[in-house]
């Protein structure tokens, strides 16, 4: 069980960096790129077993 918790911790750290990156992109009005990065992050987290549903938000 400890292994899964560390995955979640890593996932959230990664997610926080991702949010910061998205904020930078949104300042540049690069919305298509931001959507692409969001999709890639979603697929990565699902593959790591951190994210279980694409409809979380």
PDB file of N, CA and C in Angstrom:
ATOM      1  N   UNK A   1       0.826  -1.212   0.000  1.00  0.00           N
ATOM      2  CA  UNK A   1       0.000   0.000   0.000  1.00  0.00           C
ATOM      3  C   UNK A   1       0.864   1.268   0.000  1.00  0.00           C
ATOM      4  N   UNK A   2       1.986   1.205   0.663  1.00  0.00           N
ATOM      5  CA  UNK A   2       2.882   2.372   0.713  1.00  0.00           C
ATOM      6  C   UNK A   2       3.355   2.769  -0.683  1.00  0.00           C
ATOM      7  N   UNK A   3       3.511   1.752  -1.544  1.00  0.00           N
ATOM      8  CA  UNK A   3       3.955   2.006  -2.911  1.00  0.00           C
ATOM      9  C   UNK A   3       2.955   2.887  -3.652  1.00  0.00           C
ATOM     10  N   UNK A   4       1.651   2.589  -3.494  1.00  0.00           N
ATOM     11  CA  UNK A   4       0.613   3.353  -4.166  1.00  0.00           C
ATOM     12  C   UNK A   4       0.588   4.797  -3.652  1.00  0.00           C
ATOM     13  N   UNK A   5       0.753   4.983  -2.356  1.00  0.00           N
ATOM     14  CA  UNK A   5       0.771   6.336  -1.786  1.00  0.00           C
ATOM     15  C   UNK A   5       1.898   7.168  -2.394  1.00  0.00           C
ATOM     16  N   UNK A   6       3.068   6.562  -2.557  1.00  0.00           N
ATOM     17  CA  UNK A   6       4.182   7.309  -3.129  1.00  0.00           C
ATOM     18  C   UNK A   6       3.892   7.673  -4.586  1.00  0.00           C
ATOM     19  N   UNK A   7       3.206   6.771  -5.299  1.00  0.00           N
ATOM     20  CA  UNK A   7       2.811   7.088  -6.681  1.00  0.00           C
ATOM     21  C   UNK A   7       1.897   8.301  -6.703  1.00  0.00           C
ATOM     22  N   UNK A   8       0.952   8.340  -5.774  1.00  0.00           N
ATOM     23  CA  UNK A   8       0.025   9.477  -5.706  1.00  0.00           C
ATOM     24  C   UNK A   8       0.788  10.756  -5.384  1.00  0.00           C
ATOM     25  N   UNK A   9       1.719  10.669  -4.452  1.00  0.00           N
ATOM     26  CA  UNK A   9       2.536  11.825  -4.083  1.00  0.00           C
ATOM     27  C   UNK A   9       3.303  12.341  -5.299  1.00  0.00           C
ATOM     28  N   UNK A  10       3.939  11.415  -6.017  1.00  0.00           N
ATOM     29  CA  UNK A  10       4.675  11.770  -7.232  1.00  0.00           C
ATOM     30  C   UNK A  10       3.716  12.384  -8.250  1.00  0.00           C
ATOM     31  N   UNK A  11       2.550  11.775  -8.380  1.00  0.00           N
ATOM     32  CA  UNK A  11       1.545  12.276  -9.316  1.00  0.00           C
ATOM     33  C   UNK A  11       1.136  13.708  -9.017  1.00  0.00           C
ATOM     34  N   UNK A  12       0.923  14.005  -7.736  1.00  0.00           N
ATOM     35  CA  UNK A  12       0.522  15.364  -7.372  1.00  0.00           C
ATOM     36  C   UNK A  12       1.647  16.365  -7.588  1.00  0.00           C
ATOM     37  N   UNK A  13       2.874  15.953  -7.307  1.00  0.00           N
ATOM     38  CA  UNK A  13       4.007  16.851  -7.543  1.00  0.00           C
ATOM     39  C   UNK A  13       4.094  17.158  -9.043  1.00  0.00           C
ATOM     40  N   UNK A  14       3.942  16.100  -9.839  1.00  0.00           N
ATOM     41  CA  UNK A  14       3.960  16.243 -11.292  1.00  0.00           C
ATOM     42  C   UNK A  14       2.803  17.134 -11.749  1.00  0.00           C
ATOM     43  N   UNK A  15       1.636  16.923 -11.155  1.00  0.00           N
ATOM     44  CA  UNK A  15       0.441  17.691 -11.498  1.00  0.00           C
ATOM     45  C   UNK A  15       0.631  19.172 -11.179  1.00  0.00           C
ATOM     46  N   UNK A  16       1.229  19.471 -10.037  1.00  0.00           N
ATOM     47  CA  UNK A  16       1.462  20.868  -9.650  1.00  0.00           C
ATOM     48  C   UNK A  16       2.369  21.557 -10.664  1.00  0.00           C
ATOM     49  N   UNK A  17       3.433  20.869 -11.084  1.00  0.00           N
ATOM     50  CA  UNK A  17       4.326  21.430 -12.104  1.00  0.00           C
ATOM     51  C   UNK A  17       3.572  21.629 -13.413  1.00  0.00           C
ATOM     52  N   UNK A  18       2.701  20.680 -13.724  1.00  0.00           N
ATOM     53  CA  UNK A  18       1.890  20.744 -14.932  1.00  0.00           C
ATOM     54  C   UNK A  18       0.972  21.968 -14.903  1.00  0.00           C
ATOM     55  N   UNK A  19       0.347  22.224 -13.766  1.00  0.00           N
ATOM     56  CA  UNK A  19      -0.535  23.397 -13.626  1.00  0.00           C
ATOM     57  C   UNK A  19       0.263  24.679 -13.863  1.00  0.00           C
ATOM     58  N   UNK A  20       1.459  24.756 -13.278  1.00  0.00           N
ATOM     59  CA  UNK A  20       2.309  25.932 -13.486  1.00  0.00           C
ATOM     60  C   UNK A  20       2.655  26.099 -14.963  1.00  0.00           C
ATOM     61  N   UNK A  21       2.967  24.985 -15.619  1.00  0.00           N
ATOM     62  CA  UNK A  21       3.279  25.031 -17.054  1.00  0.00           C
ATOM     63  C   UNK A  21       2.066  25.494 -17.858  1.00  0.00           C
ATOM     64  N   UNK A  22       0.890  25.004 -17.492  1.00  0.00           N
ATOM     65  CA  UNK A  22      -0.338  25.419 -18.186  1.00  0.00           C
ATOM     66  C   UNK A  22      -0.605  26.909 -17.994  1.00  0.00           C
ATOM     67  N   UNK A  23      -0.346  27.403 -16.795  1.00  0.00           N
ATOM     68  CA  UNK A  23      -0.530  28.837 -16.542  1.00  0.00           C
ATOM     69  C   UNK A  23       0.402  29.655 -17.430  1.00  0.00           C
ATOM     70  N   UNK A  24       1.633  29.203 -17.588  1.00  0.00           N
ATOM     71  CA  UNK A  24       2.579  29.888 -18.474  1.00  0.00           C
ATOM     72  C   UNK A  24       2.071  29.866 -19.913  1.00  0.00           C
ATOM     73  N   UNK A  25       1.577  28.706 -20.353  1.00  0.00           N
ATOM     74  CA  UNK A  25       1.060  28.587 -21.718  1.00  0.00           C
ATOM     75  C   UNK A  25      -0.164  29.480 -21.922  1.00  0.00           C
ATOM     76  N   UNK A  26      -1.042  29.519 -20.914  1.00  0.00           N
ATOM     77  CA  UNK A  26      -2.262  30.316 -21.063  1.00  0.00           C
ATOM     78  C   UNK A  26      -1.935  31.806 -21.153  1.00  0.00           C
ATOM     79  N   UNK A  27      -0.861  32.229 -20.518  1.00  0.00           N
ATOM     80  CA  UNK A  27      -0.422  33.625 -20.627  1.00  0.00           C
ATOM     81  C   UNK A  27       0.018  33.943 -22.055  1.00  0.00           C
ATOM     82  N   UNK A  28       0.502  32.922 -22.740  1.00  0.00           N
ATOM     83  CA  UNK A  28       0.947  33.089 -24.120  1.00  0.00           C
ATOM     84  C   UNK A  28      -0.196  32.851 -25.112  1.00  0.00           C
ATOM     85  N   UNK A  29      -1.402  32.589 -24.595  1.00  0.00           N
ATOM     86  CA  UNK A  29      -2.572  32.307 -25.428  1.00  0.00           C
ATOM     87  C   UNK A  29      -2.345  31.094 -26.338  1.00  0.00           C
ATOM     88  N   UNK A  30      -1.592  30.128 -25.833  1.00  0.00           N
ATOM     89  CA  UNK A  30      -1.320  28.922 -26.607  1.00  0.00           C
ATOM     90  C   UNK A  30      -2.238  27.799 -26.123  1.00  0.00           C
ATOM     91  N   UNK A  31      -3.528  27.985 -26.332  1.00  0.00           N
ATOM     92  CA  UNK A  31      -4.522  27.050 -25.805  1.00  0.00           C
ATOM     93  C   UNK A  31      -4.412  25.657 -26.438  1.00  0.00           C
ATOM     94  N   UNK A  32      -4.256  25.528 -27.756  1.00  0.00           N
ATOM     95  CA  UNK A  32      -4.141  24.179 -28.318  1.00  0.00           C
ATOM     96  C   UNK A  32      -2.985  23.385 -27.719  1.00  0.00           C
ATOM     97  N   UNK A  33      -1.852  24.038 -27.485  1.00  0.00           N
ATOM     98  CA  UNK A  33      -0.706  23.363 -26.881  1.00  0.00           C
ATOM     99  C   UNK A  33      -1.044  22.948 -25.454  1.00  0.00           C
ATOM    100  N   UNK A  34      -1.712  23.820 -24.708  1.00  0.00           N
ATOM    101  CA  UNK A  34      -2.094  23.507 -23.335  1.00  0.00           C
ATOM    102  C   UNK A  34      -3.014  22.283 -23.300  1.00  0.00           C
ATOM    103  N   UNK A  35      -3.950  22.206 -24.243  1.00  0.00           N
ATOM    104  CA  UNK A  35      -4.851  21.052 -24.305  1.00  0.00           C
ATOM    105  C   UNK A  35      -4.079  19.783 -24.623  1.00  0.00           C
ATOM    106  N   UNK A  36      -3.103  19.891 -25.504  1.00  0.00           N
ATOM    107  CA  UNK A  36      -2.281  18.737 -25.870  1.00  0.00           C
ATOM    108  C   UNK A  36      -1.488  18.238 -24.657  1.00  0.00           C
ATOM    109  N   UNK A  37      -0.894  19.161 -23.919  1.00  0.00           N
ATOM    110  CA  UNK A  37      -0.126  18.801 -22.725  1.00  0.00           C
ATOM    111  C   UNK A  37      -1.041  18.161 -21.689  1.00  0.00           C
ATOM    112  N   UNK A  38      -2.250  18.704 -21.543  1.00  0.00           N
ATOM    113  CA  UNK A  38      -3.224  18.184 -20.596  1.00  0.00           C
ATOM    114  C   UNK A  38      -3.576  16.738 -20.930  1.00  0.00           C
ATOM    115  N   UNK A  39      -3.786  16.464 -22.208  1.00  0.00           N
ATOM    116  CA  UNK A  39      -4.123  15.114 -22.661  1.00  0.00           C
ATOM    117  C   UNK A  39      -2.964  14.157 -22.388  1.00  0.00           C
ATOM    118  N   UNK A  40      -1.757  14.613 -22.680  1.00  0.00           N
ATOM    119  CA  UNK A  40      -0.575  13.785 -22.445  1.00  0.00           C
ATOM    120  C   UNK A  40      -0.406  13.479 -20.954  1.00  0.00           C
ATOM    121  N   UNK A  41      -0.629  14.472 -20.108  1.00  0.00           N
ATOM    122  CA  UNK A  41      -0.526  14.271 -18.661  1.00  0.00           C
ATOM    123  C   UNK A  41      -1.569  13.259 -18.195  1.00  0.00           C
ATOM    124  N   UNK A  42      -2.784  13.399 -18.690  1.00  0.00           N
ATOM    125  CA  UNK A  42      -3.874  12.504 -18.311  1.00  0.00           C
ATOM    126  C   UNK A  42      -3.514  11.056 -18.654  1.00  0.00           C
ATOM    127  N   UNK A  43      -3.011  10.845 -19.859  1.00  0.00           N
ATOM    128  CA  UNK A  43      -2.622   9.499 -20.286  1.00  0.00           C
ATOM    129  C   UNK A  43      -1.473   8.962 -19.435  1.00  0.00           C
ATOM    130  N   UNK A  44      -0.518   9.820 -19.114  1.00  0.00           N
ATOM    131  CA  UNK A  44       0.616   9.402 -18.283  1.00  0.00           C
ATOM    132  C   UNK A  44       0.142   8.983 -16.889  1.00  0.00           C
ATOM    133  N   UNK A  45      -0.674   9.821 -16.262  1.00  0.00           N
ATOM    134  CA  UNK A  45      -1.140   9.513 -14.908  1.00  0.00           C
ATOM    135  C   UNK A  45      -1.995   8.246 -14.892  1.00  0.00           C
ATOM    136  N   UNK A  46      -2.819   8.054 -15.919  1.00  0.00           N
ATOM    137  CA  UNK A  46      -3.626   6.844 -15.990  1.00  0.00           C
ATOM    138  C   UNK A  46      -2.727   5.617 -16.150  1.00  0.00           C
ATOM    139  N   UNK A  47      -1.687   5.738 -16.946  1.00  0.00           N
ATOM    140  CA  UNK A  47      -0.767   4.614 -17.155  1.00  0.00           C
ATOM    141  C   UNK A  47       0.003   4.291 -15.872  1.00  0.00           C
ATOM    142  N   UNK A  48       0.205   5.283 -15.019  1.00  0.00           N
ATOM    143  CA  UNK A  48       0.907   5.071 -13.747  1.00  0.00           C
ATOM    144  C   UNK A  48      -0.055   4.594 -12.655  1.00  0.00           C
ATOM    145  N   UNK A  49      -1.348   4.590 -12.959  1.00  0.00           N
ATOM    146  CA  UNK A  49      -2.324   4.163 -11.970  1.00  0.00           C
ATOM    147  C   UNK A  49      -2.638   5.243 -10.944  1.00  0.00           C
ATOM    148  N   UNK A  50      -2.246   6.479 -11.231  1.00  0.00           N
ATOM    149  CA  UNK A  50      -2.504   7.589 -10.303  1.00  0.00           C
ATOM    150  C   UNK A  50      -3.899   8.161 -10.559  1.00  0.00           C
ATOM    151  N   UNK A  51      -4.220   8.310 -11.826  1.00  0.00           N
ATOM    152  CA  UNK A  51      -5.510   8.868 -12.228  1.00  0.00           C
ATOM    153  C   UNK A  51      -6.390   7.725 -12.706  1.00  0.00           C
ATOM    154  N   UNK A  52      -7.629   7.695 -12.227  1.00  0.00           N
ATOM    155  CA  UNK A  52      -8.502   6.574 -12.571  1.00  0.00           C
ATOM    156  C   UNK A  52      -9.663   6.977 -13.468  1.00  0.00           C
ATOM    157  N   UNK A  53     -10.004   8.250 -13.486  1.00  0.00           N
ATOM    158  CA  UNK A  53     -11.125   8.694 -14.299  1.00  0.00           C
ATOM    159  C   UNK A  53     -10.757   9.971 -15.034  1.00  0.00           C
ATOM    160  N   UNK A  54     -11.091  10.026 -16.312  1.00  0.00           N
ATOM    161  CA  UNK A  54     -10.817  11.225 -17.108  1.00  0.00           C
ATOM    162  C   UNK A  54     -11.823  12.324 -16.786  1.00  0.00           C
ATOM    163  N   UNK A  55     -12.898  11.977 -16.081  1.00  0.00           N
ATOM    164  CA  UNK A  55     -13.965  12.943 -15.788  1.00  0.00           C
ATOM    165  C   UNK A  55     -13.879  13.496 -14.363  1.00  0.00           C
ATOM    166  N   UNK A  56     -12.690  13.488 -13.787  1.00  0.00           N
ATOM    167  CA  UNK A  56     -12.521  13.916 -12.399  1.00  0.00           C
ATOM    168  C   UNK A  56     -12.876  15.364 -12.131  1.00  0.00           C
ATOM    169  N   UNK A  57     -12.674  16.226 -13.088  1.00  0.00           N
ATOM    170  CA  UNK A  57     -12.816  17.676 -12.868  1.00  0.00           C
ATOM    171  C   UNK A  57     -13.999  18.190 -13.657  1.00  0.00           C
TER     172      UNK A  57
END
